[in-house]
Amino acid sequence: RFETDLINFVGDIYMLFTQQAKSKNIQFSYEHDTQILPVWIDRNHFDKVIANILSNAFKFTPTGGVVRLRVTHSEKEATISVYDNGEKIPEDKLERIFERFYQSPSSINDRNMGTGIGLDLTRSLVELHHGTISAHNNADGKGCEFVVTIPLGNEHLKPEEMMTENLEV
């Protein structure tokens, strides 16, 4: 793991999805509460966490919808949230979507949510970063929000888990 600026790191992934947003006419925004936020992550794996959650948001948000990516932080942790106003997750399925091979039926084109192994892998990768991932439906009844938190600093890491280099911006 390297010390990485989370704001730029997430910004690069945001840029990868801007074309998809344009083609689906989705209002796609990236908000952050600071300009630089150093975190210790495995860059080769943590990008998959964010990309997978964004992919799902785009998959279940109809043309003309909204997807919002946000990074906030407290003294001890960074929070990455992905909000969309597409399909809700059935309440009885919310706890199960992170289980391996679980697929939720989707009303869009009546296809299955191909997230089974994706969200399971996503949860595993978040937990490897000593973080948490959760999902909840939005209070207004449209869409849902996925929330990932990871600790700031490196006290939670063993020395062999850290690779030092200059902060990658």
N, C-alpha and C. Protein backbone atom coordinates (compact mmCIF):
# COMPACT_ATOMS: atom_id res chain seq x y z
N ARG A 1 0.83 -1.19 0.00
CA ARG A 1 0.00 0.00 0.00
C ARG A 1 0.86 1.23 0.00
N PHE A 2 0.39 2.22 -0.69
CA PHE A 2 1.11 3.49 -0.78
C PHE A 2 0.22 4.60 -0.24
N GLU A 3 0.85 5.63 0.26
CA GLU A 3 0.09 6.81 0.63
C GLU A 3 -0.34 7.49 -0.67
N THR A 4 -1.61 7.74 -0.80
CA THR A 4 -2.20 8.22 -2.05
C THR A 4 -3.18 9.35 -1.75
N ASP A 5 -3.23 10.34 -2.60
CA ASP A 5 -4.23 11.40 -2.45
C ASP A 5 -5.57 10.89 -2.97
N LEU A 6 -6.50 10.66 -2.04
CA LEU A 6 -7.79 10.07 -2.40
C LEU A 6 -8.60 10.97 -3.34
N ILE A 7 -8.46 12.28 -3.20
CA ILE A 7 -9.26 13.20 -4.02
C ILE A 7 -8.91 13.04 -5.50
N ASN A 8 -7.60 13.04 -5.80
CA ASN A 8 -7.18 12.84 -7.20
C ASN A 8 -7.43 11.42 -7.68
N PHE A 9 -7.22 10.45 -6.80
CA PHE A 9 -7.40 9.04 -7.14
C PHE A 9 -8.86 8.81 -7.57
N VAL A 10 -9.80 9.27 -6.75
CA VAL A 10 -11.23 9.13 -7.09
C VAL A 10 -11.56 9.99 -8.32
N GLY A 11 -10.93 11.16 -8.42
CA GLY A 11 -11.15 12.03 -9.57
C GLY A 11 -10.80 11.37 -10.89
N ASP A 12 -9.72 10.59 -10.88
CA ASP A 12 -9.32 9.86 -12.11
C ASP A 12 -10.38 8.83 -12.50
N ILE A 13 -10.95 8.15 -11.51
CA ILE A 13 -12.00 7.16 -11.79
C ILE A 13 -13.26 7.87 -12.26
N TYR A 14 -13.57 9.00 -11.65
CA TYR A 14 -14.71 9.83 -12.07
C TYR A 14 -14.58 10.16 -13.57
N MET A 15 -13.38 10.56 -13.98
CA MET A 15 -13.17 10.94 -15.39
C MET A 15 -13.46 9.76 -16.33
N LEU A 16 -13.15 8.54 -15.88
CA LEU A 16 -13.39 7.36 -16.72
C LEU A 16 -14.88 7.15 -17.00
N PHE A 17 -15.74 7.66 -16.13
CA PHE A 17 -17.18 7.44 -16.28
C PHE A 17 -17.92 8.63 -16.92
N THR A 18 -17.19 9.72 -17.18
CA THR A 18 -17.89 10.91 -17.69
C THR A 18 -18.48 10.67 -19.09
N GLN A 19 -17.81 9.89 -19.91
CA GLN A 19 -18.35 9.61 -21.26
C GLN A 19 -19.63 8.80 -21.18
N GLN A 20 -19.64 7.81 -20.29
CA GLN A 20 -20.83 7.00 -20.09
C GLN A 20 -21.99 7.87 -19.61
N ALA A 21 -21.68 8.82 -18.73
CA ALA A 21 -22.71 9.74 -18.23
C ALA A 21 -23.29 10.56 -19.38
N LYS A 22 -22.41 11.07 -20.24
CA LYS A 22 -22.89 11.85 -21.39
C LYS A 22 -23.77 11.01 -22.30
N SER A 23 -23.34 9.78 -22.58
CA SER A 23 -24.09 8.96 -23.53
C SER A 23 -25.46 8.56 -22.98
N LYS A 24 -25.60 8.47 -21.66
CA LYS A 24 -26.90 8.15 -21.06
C LYS A 24 -27.63 9.40 -20.58
N ASN A 25 -27.04 10.57 -20.85
CA ASN A 25 -27.63 11.84 -20.43
C ASN A 25 -27.89 11.84 -18.92
N ILE A 26 -26.91 11.34 -18.16
CA ILE A 26 -27.01 11.30 -16.71
C ILE A 26 -26.22 12.47 -16.14
N GLN A 27 -26.83 13.19 -15.19
CA GLN A 27 -26.12 14.26 -14.49
C GLN A 27 -25.15 13.58 -13.53
N PHE A 28 -23.86 13.72 -13.79
CA PHE A 28 -22.84 13.03 -13.02
C PHE A 28 -21.93 14.06 -12.38
N SER A 29 -21.84 14.05 -11.06
CA SER A 29 -21.00 15.05 -10.39
C SER A 29 -20.04 14.38 -9.41
N TYR A 30 -18.96 15.09 -9.12
CA TYR A 30 -17.98 14.65 -8.15
C TYR A 30 -17.75 15.79 -7.17
N GLU A 31 -18.05 15.54 -5.91
CA GLU A 31 -17.90 16.56 -4.88
C GLU A 31 -16.92 16.05 -3.83
N HIS A 32 -16.13 16.95 -3.25
CA HIS A 32 -15.22 16.57 -2.18
C HIS A 32 -15.05 17.74 -1.23
N ASP A 33 -14.86 17.43 0.05
CA ASP A 33 -14.84 18.48 1.07
C ASP A 33 -13.43 18.99 1.38
N THR A 34 -12.44 18.53 0.61
CA THR A 34 -11.08 19.00 0.81
C THR A 34 -10.35 18.84 -0.53
N GLN A 35 -9.21 19.51 -0.69
CA GLN A 35 -8.48 19.43 -1.96
C GLN A 35 -7.51 18.25 -1.99
N ILE A 36 -6.99 17.88 -0.83
CA ILE A 36 -6.05 16.74 -0.74
C ILE A 36 -6.44 15.92 0.48
N LEU A 37 -6.47 14.60 0.31
CA LEU A 37 -6.82 13.71 1.43
C LEU A 37 -5.94 12.47 1.35
N PRO A 38 -4.82 12.45 2.09
CA PRO A 38 -3.91 11.30 2.02
C PRO A 38 -4.51 10.07 2.71
N VAL A 39 -4.49 8.95 2.01
CA VAL A 39 -4.93 7.67 2.57
C VAL A 39 -3.93 6.59 2.16
N TRP A 40 -3.90 5.51 2.92
CA TRP A 40 -3.03 4.38 2.58
C TRP A 40 -3.89 3.32 1.92
N ILE A 41 -3.73 3.13 0.62
CA ILE A 41 -4.53 2.14 -0.10
C ILE A 41 -3.66 1.35 -1.06
N ASP A 42 -4.18 0.20 -1.43
CA ASP A 42 -3.59 -0.58 -2.51
C ASP A 42 -4.27 -0.08 -3.78
N ARG A 43 -3.57 0.75 -4.51
CA ARG A 43 -4.20 1.42 -5.67
C ARG A 43 -4.71 0.44 -6.71
N ASN A 44 -4.02 -0.71 -6.85
CA ASN A 44 -4.44 -1.68 -7.87
C ASN A 44 -5.75 -2.37 -7.53
N HIS A 45 -6.15 -2.29 -6.27
CA HIS A 45 -7.38 -2.95 -5.87
C HIS A 45 -8.48 -1.97 -5.49
N PHE A 46 -8.09 -0.86 -4.88
CA PHE A 46 -9.12 0.05 -4.39
C PHE A 46 -9.86 0.74 -5.54
N ASP A 47 -9.22 0.88 -6.69
CA ASP A 47 -9.94 1.47 -7.83
C ASP A 47 -11.11 0.59 -8.25
N LYS A 48 -10.97 -0.73 -8.06
CA LYS A 48 -12.06 -1.66 -8.43
C LYS A 48 -13.29 -1.44 -7.55
N VAL A 49 -13.06 -1.08 -6.29
CA VAL A 49 -14.17 -0.80 -5.37
C VAL A 49 -15.03 0.33 -5.93
N ILE A 50 -14.38 1.44 -6.24
CA ILE A 50 -15.13 2.61 -6.70
C ILE A 50 -15.73 2.36 -8.07
N ALA A 51 -14.96 1.75 -8.97
CA ALA A 51 -15.46 1.49 -10.32
C ALA A 51 -16.67 0.56 -10.30
N ASN A 52 -16.65 -0.44 -9.45
CA ASN A 52 -17.76 -1.38 -9.39
C ASN A 52 -19.03 -0.71 -8.88
N ILE A 53 -18.90 0.11 -7.84
CA ILE A 53 -20.08 0.80 -7.31
C ILE A 53 -20.63 1.78 -8.35
N LEU A 54 -19.73 2.49 -9.03
CA LEU A 54 -20.18 3.42 -10.08
C LEU A 54 -20.85 2.66 -11.23
N SER A 55 -20.26 1.53 -11.63
CA SER A 55 -20.86 0.74 -12.72
C SER A 55 -22.29 0.36 -12.39
N ASN A 56 -22.50 -0.09 -11.15
CA ASN A 56 -23.85 -0.46 -10.73
C ASN A 56 -24.78 0.74 -10.75
N ALA A 57 -24.30 1.88 -10.27
CA ALA A 57 -25.13 3.08 -10.26
C ALA A 57 -25.57 3.44 -11.68
N PHE A 58 -24.64 3.37 -12.62
CA PHE A 58 -24.99 3.68 -14.01
C PHE A 58 -25.93 2.64 -14.61
N LYS A 59 -25.72 1.39 -14.22
CA LYS A 59 -26.55 0.32 -14.77
C LYS A 59 -28.02 0.48 -14.36
N PHE A 60 -28.24 0.94 -13.12
CA PHE A 60 -29.61 1.00 -12.60
C PHE A 60 -30.21 2.40 -12.58
N THR A 61 -29.51 3.34 -13.21
CA THR A 61 -30.05 4.70 -13.31
C THR A 61 -30.51 4.92 -14.74
N PRO A 62 -31.77 5.30 -14.92
CA PRO A 62 -32.28 5.48 -16.28
C PRO A 62 -31.70 6.73 -16.95
N THR A 63 -31.85 6.78 -18.26
CA THR A 63 -31.44 7.96 -19.02
C THR A 63 -32.06 9.20 -18.38
N GLY A 64 -31.25 10.25 -18.25
CA GLY A 64 -31.75 11.48 -17.65
C GLY A 64 -31.67 11.50 -16.14
N GLY A 65 -31.12 10.44 -15.54
CA GLY A 65 -31.04 10.36 -14.07
C GLY A 65 -29.84 11.10 -13.51
N VAL A 66 -29.59 10.84 -12.23
CA VAL A 66 -28.51 11.52 -11.50
C VAL A 66 -27.63 10.49 -10.81
N VAL A 67 -26.31 10.65 -10.94
CA VAL A 67 -25.34 9.86 -10.16
C VAL A 67 -24.38 10.87 -9.53
N ARG A 68 -24.21 10.74 -8.22
CA ARG A 68 -23.36 11.69 -7.51
C ARG A 68 -22.28 10.93 -6.74
N LEU A 69 -21.04 11.29 -6.98
CA LEU A 69 -19.88 10.69 -6.30
C LEU A 69 -19.36 11.74 -5.33
N ARG A 70 -19.14 11.32 -4.08
CA ARG A 70 -18.74 12.32 -3.08
C ARG A 70 -17.68 11.72 -2.17
N VAL A 71 -16.66 12.52 -1.83
CA VAL A 71 -15.65 12.13 -0.85
C VAL A 71 -15.71 13.15 0.29
N THR A 72 -15.92 12.65 1.51
CA THR A 72 -15.90 13.50 2.69
C THR A 72 -14.97 12.85 3.71
N HIS A 73 -14.65 13.58 4.76
CA HIS A 73 -13.77 12.99 5.76
C HIS A 73 -14.04 13.56 7.14
N SER A 74 -13.66 12.76 8.13
CA SER A 74 -13.68 13.22 9.51
C SER A 74 -12.24 13.13 9.99
N GLU A 75 -12.05 13.30 11.30
CA GLU A 75 -10.69 13.23 11.82
C GLU A 75 -10.07 11.86 11.60
N LYS A 76 -10.92 10.80 11.63
CA LYS A 76 -10.38 9.45 11.60
C LYS A 76 -10.61 8.67 10.32
N GLU A 77 -11.57 9.09 9.48
CA GLU A 77 -11.86 8.26 8.31
C GLU A 77 -12.28 9.08 7.10
N ALA A 78 -12.12 8.44 5.95
CA ALA A 78 -12.58 8.99 4.68
C ALA A 78 -13.84 8.23 4.28
N THR A 79 -14.79 8.94 3.71
CA THR A 79 -16.03 8.32 3.26
C THR A 79 -16.22 8.62 1.78
N ILE A 80 -16.46 7.57 1.01
CA ILE A 80 -16.75 7.70 -0.42
C ILE A 80 -18.19 7.25 -0.59
N SER A 81 -19.03 8.11 -1.14
CA SER A 81 -20.42 7.70 -1.34
C SER A 81 -20.82 7.87 -2.79
N VAL A 82 -21.65 6.95 -3.25
CA VAL A 82 -22.19 7.00 -4.61
C VAL A 82 -23.70 6.97 -4.49
N TYR A 83 -24.31 8.08 -4.88
CA TYR A 83 -25.77 8.23 -4.83
C TYR A 83 -26.32 8.12 -6.25
N ASP A 84 -27.46 7.47 -6.41
CA ASP A 84 -28.15 7.53 -7.69
C ASP A 84 -29.64 7.59 -7.45
N ASN A 85 -30.38 8.10 -8.43
CA ASN A 85 -31.84 8.17 -8.29
C ASN A 85 -32.52 7.18 -9.23
N GLY A 86 -31.86 6.04 -9.44
CA GLY A 86 -32.41 4.99 -10.29
C GLY A 86 -33.29 4.04 -9.50
N GLU A 87 -33.01 2.75 -9.66
CA GLU A 87 -33.83 1.73 -8.98
C GLU A 87 -33.46 1.60 -7.51
N LYS A 88 -34.49 1.37 -6.69
CA LYS A 88 -34.25 1.05 -5.28
C LYS A 88 -33.84 -0.41 -5.18
N ILE A 89 -33.20 -0.75 -4.07
CA ILE A 89 -32.91 -2.14 -3.76
C ILE A 89 -34.05 -2.60 -2.86
N PRO A 90 -34.71 -3.70 -3.18
CA PRO A 90 -35.79 -4.16 -2.30
C PRO A 90 -35.28 -4.26 -0.86
N GLU A 91 -36.07 -3.73 0.08
CA GLU A 91 -35.64 -3.66 1.49
C GLU A 91 -35.15 -5.00 2.02
N ASP A 92 -35.84 -6.08 1.66
CA ASP A 92 -35.44 -7.39 2.19
C ASP A 92 -34.17 -7.91 1.54
N LYS A 93 -33.69 -7.23 0.53
CA LYS A 93 -32.47 -7.67 -0.16
C LYS A 93 -31.24 -6.85 0.27
N LEU A 94 -31.47 -5.73 0.95
CA LEU A 94 -30.35 -4.84 1.26
C LEU A 94 -29.20 -5.54 1.98
N GLU A 95 -29.52 -6.42 2.92
CA GLU A 95 -28.46 -7.09 3.68
C GLU A 95 -27.76 -8.15 2.83
N ARG A 96 -28.42 -8.65 1.81
CA ARG A 96 -27.88 -9.79 1.07
C ARG A 96 -27.06 -9.41 -0.16
N ILE A 97 -27.13 -8.15 -0.58
CA ILE A 97 -26.47 -7.81 -1.85
C ILE A 97 -24.96 -7.97 -1.82
N PHE A 98 -24.36 -8.02 -0.62
CA PHE A 98 -22.91 -8.19 -0.54
C PHE A 98 -22.50 -9.65 -0.42
N GLU A 99 -23.50 -10.56 -0.44
CA GLU A 99 -23.18 -11.98 -0.36
C GLU A 99 -22.70 -12.50 -1.71
N ARG A 100 -21.86 -13.50 -1.66
CA ARG A 100 -21.31 -14.04 -2.89
C ARG A 100 -22.39 -14.67 -3.77
N PHE A 101 -22.34 -14.36 -5.04
CA PHE A 101 -23.25 -14.90 -6.06
C PHE A 101 -24.69 -14.45 -5.92
N TYR A 102 -24.98 -13.55 -4.98
CA TYR A 102 -26.37 -13.11 -4.84
C TYR A 102 -26.74 -12.22 -6.01
N GLN A 103 -27.89 -12.44 -6.60
CA GLN A 103 -28.38 -11.57 -7.67
C GLN A 103 -29.79 -11.13 -7.34
N SER A 104 -30.02 -9.85 -7.49
CA SER A 104 -31.36 -9.31 -7.21
C SER A 104 -32.07 -9.12 -8.53
N PRO A 105 -33.35 -9.47 -8.60
CA PRO A 105 -34.05 -9.23 -9.85
C PRO A 105 -34.18 -7.73 -10.10
N SER A 106 -34.05 -7.34 -11.33
CA SER A 106 -34.14 -5.92 -11.69
C SER A 106 -35.29 -5.73 -12.66
N SER A 107 -36.00 -4.64 -12.49
CA SER A 107 -37.13 -4.42 -13.41
C SER A 107 -36.66 -3.84 -14.75
N ILE A 108 -35.49 -3.20 -14.77
CA ILE A 108 -35.00 -2.64 -16.03
C ILE A 108 -34.67 -3.79 -16.98
N ASN A 109 -35.34 -3.86 -18.09
CA ASN A 109 -35.14 -4.93 -19.08
C ASN A 109 -35.26 -6.33 -18.46
N ASP A 110 -35.84 -6.40 -17.28
CA ASP A 110 -36.04 -7.69 -16.60
C ASP A 110 -34.78 -8.55 -16.60
N ARG A 111 -33.66 -7.92 -16.32
CA ARG A 111 -32.41 -8.69 -16.31
C ARG A 111 -31.92 -8.80 -14.87
N ASN A 112 -31.07 -9.75 -14.60
CA ASN A 112 -30.54 -9.88 -13.26
C ASN A 112 -29.45 -8.85 -13.04
N MET A 113 -29.25 -8.53 -11.77
CA MET A 113 -28.32 -7.48 -11.39
C MET A 113 -26.92 -7.96 -11.59
N GLY A 114 -26.24 -8.30 -12.47
CA GLY A 114 -24.97 -8.99 -12.49
C GLY A 114 -23.97 -8.56 -11.44
N THR A 115 -24.43 -8.23 -10.23
CA THR A 115 -23.47 -7.75 -9.23
C THR A 115 -23.03 -8.83 -8.28
N GLY A 116 -23.60 -10.03 -8.39
CA GLY A 116 -23.31 -11.09 -7.44
C GLY A 116 -21.89 -11.14 -6.96
N ILE A 117 -20.96 -11.53 -7.82
CA ILE A 117 -19.58 -11.66 -7.38
C ILE A 117 -18.95 -10.29 -7.24
N GLY A 118 -19.45 -9.31 -8.00
CA GLY A 118 -18.89 -7.96 -7.94
C GLY A 118 -18.99 -7.32 -6.58
N LEU A 119 -20.18 -7.32 -5.98
CA LEU A 119 -20.33 -6.66 -4.67
C LEU A 119 -19.67 -7.47 -3.57
N ASP A 120 -19.62 -8.78 -3.73
CA ASP A 120 -18.92 -9.62 -2.76
C ASP A 120 -17.43 -9.29 -2.77
N LEU A 121 -16.86 -9.22 -3.97
CA LEU A 121 -15.45 -8.87 -4.12
C LEU A 121 -15.21 -7.45 -3.61
N THR A 122 -16.13 -6.55 -3.93
CA THR A 122 -16.01 -5.17 -3.49
C THR A 122 -15.94 -5.11 -1.96
N ARG A 123 -16.85 -5.83 -1.29
CA ARG A 123 -16.85 -5.85 0.17
C ARG A 123 -15.54 -6.40 0.71
N SER A 124 -15.05 -7.48 0.10
CA SER A 124 -13.78 -8.07 0.55
C SER A 124 -12.63 -7.08 0.43
N LEU A 125 -12.58 -6.37 -0.69
CA LEU A 125 -11.51 -5.39 -0.90
C LEU A 125 -11.60 -4.24 0.10
N VAL A 126 -12.82 -3.81 0.40
CA VAL A 126 -12.99 -2.74 1.40
C VAL A 126 -12.52 -3.23 2.76
N GLU A 127 -12.89 -4.46 3.11
CA GLU A 127 -12.49 -5.01 4.41
C GLU A 127 -10.98 -5.20 4.50
N LEU A 128 -10.33 -5.53 3.39
CA LEU A 128 -8.87 -5.62 3.38
C LEU A 128 -8.23 -4.26 3.68
N HIS A 129 -8.98 -3.19 3.42
CA HIS A 129 -8.51 -1.83 3.72
C HIS A 129 -9.00 -1.38 5.10
N HIS A 130 -9.46 -2.35 5.91
CA HIS A 130 -9.94 -2.07 7.27
C HIS A 130 -11.13 -1.12 7.25
N GLY A 131 -11.91 -1.18 6.19
CA GLY A 131 -13.05 -0.28 6.04
C GLY A 131 -14.38 -1.00 6.08
N THR A 132 -15.44 -0.26 5.81
CA THR A 132 -16.79 -0.81 5.77
C THR A 132 -17.49 -0.36 4.50
N ILE A 133 -18.48 -1.14 4.08
CA ILE A 133 -19.31 -0.75 2.94
C ILE A 133 -20.75 -1.06 3.31
N SER A 134 -21.64 -0.15 2.96
CA SER A 134 -23.06 -0.37 3.22
C SER A 134 -23.86 0.26 2.09
N ALA A 135 -25.14 -0.10 2.05
CA ALA A 135 -26.04 0.48 1.04
C ALA A 135 -27.36 0.78 1.71
N HIS A 136 -28.00 1.85 1.31
CA HIS A 136 -29.35 2.15 1.80
C HIS A 136 -30.14 2.82 0.68
N ASN A 137 -31.44 2.63 0.73
CA ASN A 137 -32.31 3.30 -0.23
C ASN A 137 -32.48 4.76 0.20
N ASN A 138 -32.68 5.62 -0.79
CA ASN A 138 -32.83 7.04 -0.50
C ASN A 138 -34.20 7.32 0.10
N ALA A 139 -34.22 8.30 1.00
CA ALA A 139 -35.45 8.62 1.72
C ALA A 139 -36.57 9.07 0.79
N ASP A 140 -36.21 9.67 -0.35
CA ASP A 140 -37.25 10.16 -1.28
C ASP A 140 -37.85 9.05 -2.13
N GLY A 141 -37.40 7.81 -1.90
CA GLY A 141 -38.00 6.68 -2.61
C GLY A 141 -37.40 6.37 -3.95
N LYS A 142 -36.43 7.16 -4.40
CA LYS A 142 -35.78 6.89 -5.69
C LYS A 142 -34.32 6.54 -5.48
N GLY A 143 -33.92 5.39 -6.01
CA GLY A 143 -32.52 5.03 -6.01
C GLY A 143 -31.95 4.70 -4.65
N CYS A 144 -30.62 4.60 -4.62
CA CYS A 144 -29.95 4.20 -3.39
C CYS A 144 -28.58 4.87 -3.31
N GLU A 145 -27.93 4.64 -2.18
CA GLU A 145 -26.60 5.20 -1.98
C GLU A 145 -25.72 4.12 -1.37
N PHE A 146 -24.53 3.98 -1.93
CA PHE A 146 -23.51 3.08 -1.39
C PHE A 146 -22.49 3.94 -0.66
N VAL A 147 -22.08 3.49 0.52
CA VAL A 147 -21.16 4.27 1.34
C VAL A 147 -19.99 3.39 1.75
N VAL A 148 -18.78 3.84 1.42
CA VAL A 148 -17.55 3.14 1.79
C VAL A 148 -16.77 4.04 2.75
N THR A 149 -16.33 3.48 3.87
CA THR A 149 -15.45 4.25 4.75
C THR A 149 -14.14 3.50 4.91
N ILE A 150 -13.05 4.26 4.93
CA ILE A 150 -11.73 3.67 5.21
C ILE A 150 -11.02 4.57 6.22
N PRO A 151 -10.19 3.97 7.08
CA PRO A 151 -9.51 4.79 8.09
C PRO A 151 -8.43 5.67 7.46
N LEU A 152 -8.23 6.83 8.07
CA LEU A 152 -7.12 7.70 7.67
C LEU A 152 -5.87 7.27 8.45
N GLY A 153 -4.73 7.74 8.00
CA GLY A 153 -3.48 7.40 8.67
C GLY A 153 -3.06 5.96 8.37
N ASN A 154 -2.06 5.48 9.10
CA ASN A 154 -1.58 4.13 8.84
C ASN A 154 -1.36 3.32 10.12
N GLU A 155 -1.94 3.78 11.25
CA GLU A 155 -1.78 3.03 12.50
C GLU A 155 -2.37 1.63 12.40
N HIS A 156 -3.39 1.46 11.54
CA HIS A 156 -4.08 0.17 11.42
C HIS A 156 -3.31 -0.81 10.54
N LEU A 157 -2.21 -0.37 9.93
CA LEU A 157 -1.45 -1.24 9.02
C LEU A 157 -0.21 -1.81 9.69
N LYS A 158 0.14 -3.02 9.29
CA LYS A 158 1.40 -3.61 9.74
C LYS A 158 2.51 -3.00 8.87
N PRO A 159 3.73 -2.94 9.40
CA PRO A 159 4.82 -2.34 8.62
C PRO A 159 4.97 -2.96 7.23
N GLU A 160 4.76 -4.30 7.13
CA GLU A 160 4.94 -4.95 5.82
C GLU A 160 3.81 -4.61 4.85
N GLU A 161 2.74 -4.00 5.34
CA GLU A 161 1.65 -3.60 4.45
C GLU A 161 1.89 -2.24 3.81
N MET A 162 2.93 -1.56 4.28
CA MET A 162 3.18 -0.20 3.79
C MET A 162 4.40 -0.13 2.89
N MET A 163 4.25 0.59 1.80
CA MET A 163 5.38 0.88 0.93
C MET A 163 5.50 2.39 0.92
N THR A 164 6.68 2.88 1.17
CA THR A 164 6.82 4.33 1.21
C THR A 164 7.35 4.84 -0.10
N GLU A 165 6.84 5.96 -0.49
CA GLU A 165 7.28 6.68 -1.68
C GLU A 165 6.72 8.06 -1.51
N ASN A 166 7.02 8.92 -2.44
CA ASN A 166 6.45 10.26 -2.37
C ASN A 166 4.95 10.16 -2.58
N LEU A 167 4.20 11.02 -1.92
CA LEU A 167 2.75 11.04 -2.06
C LEU A 167 2.41 11.18 -3.53
N GLU A 168 1.65 10.22 -4.04
CA GLU A 168 1.29 10.28 -5.46
C GLU A 168 0.06 11.16 -5.63
N VAL A 169 0.21 12.18 -6.41
CA VAL A 169 -0.89 13.14 -6.56
C VAL A 169 -1.61 12.93 -7.87
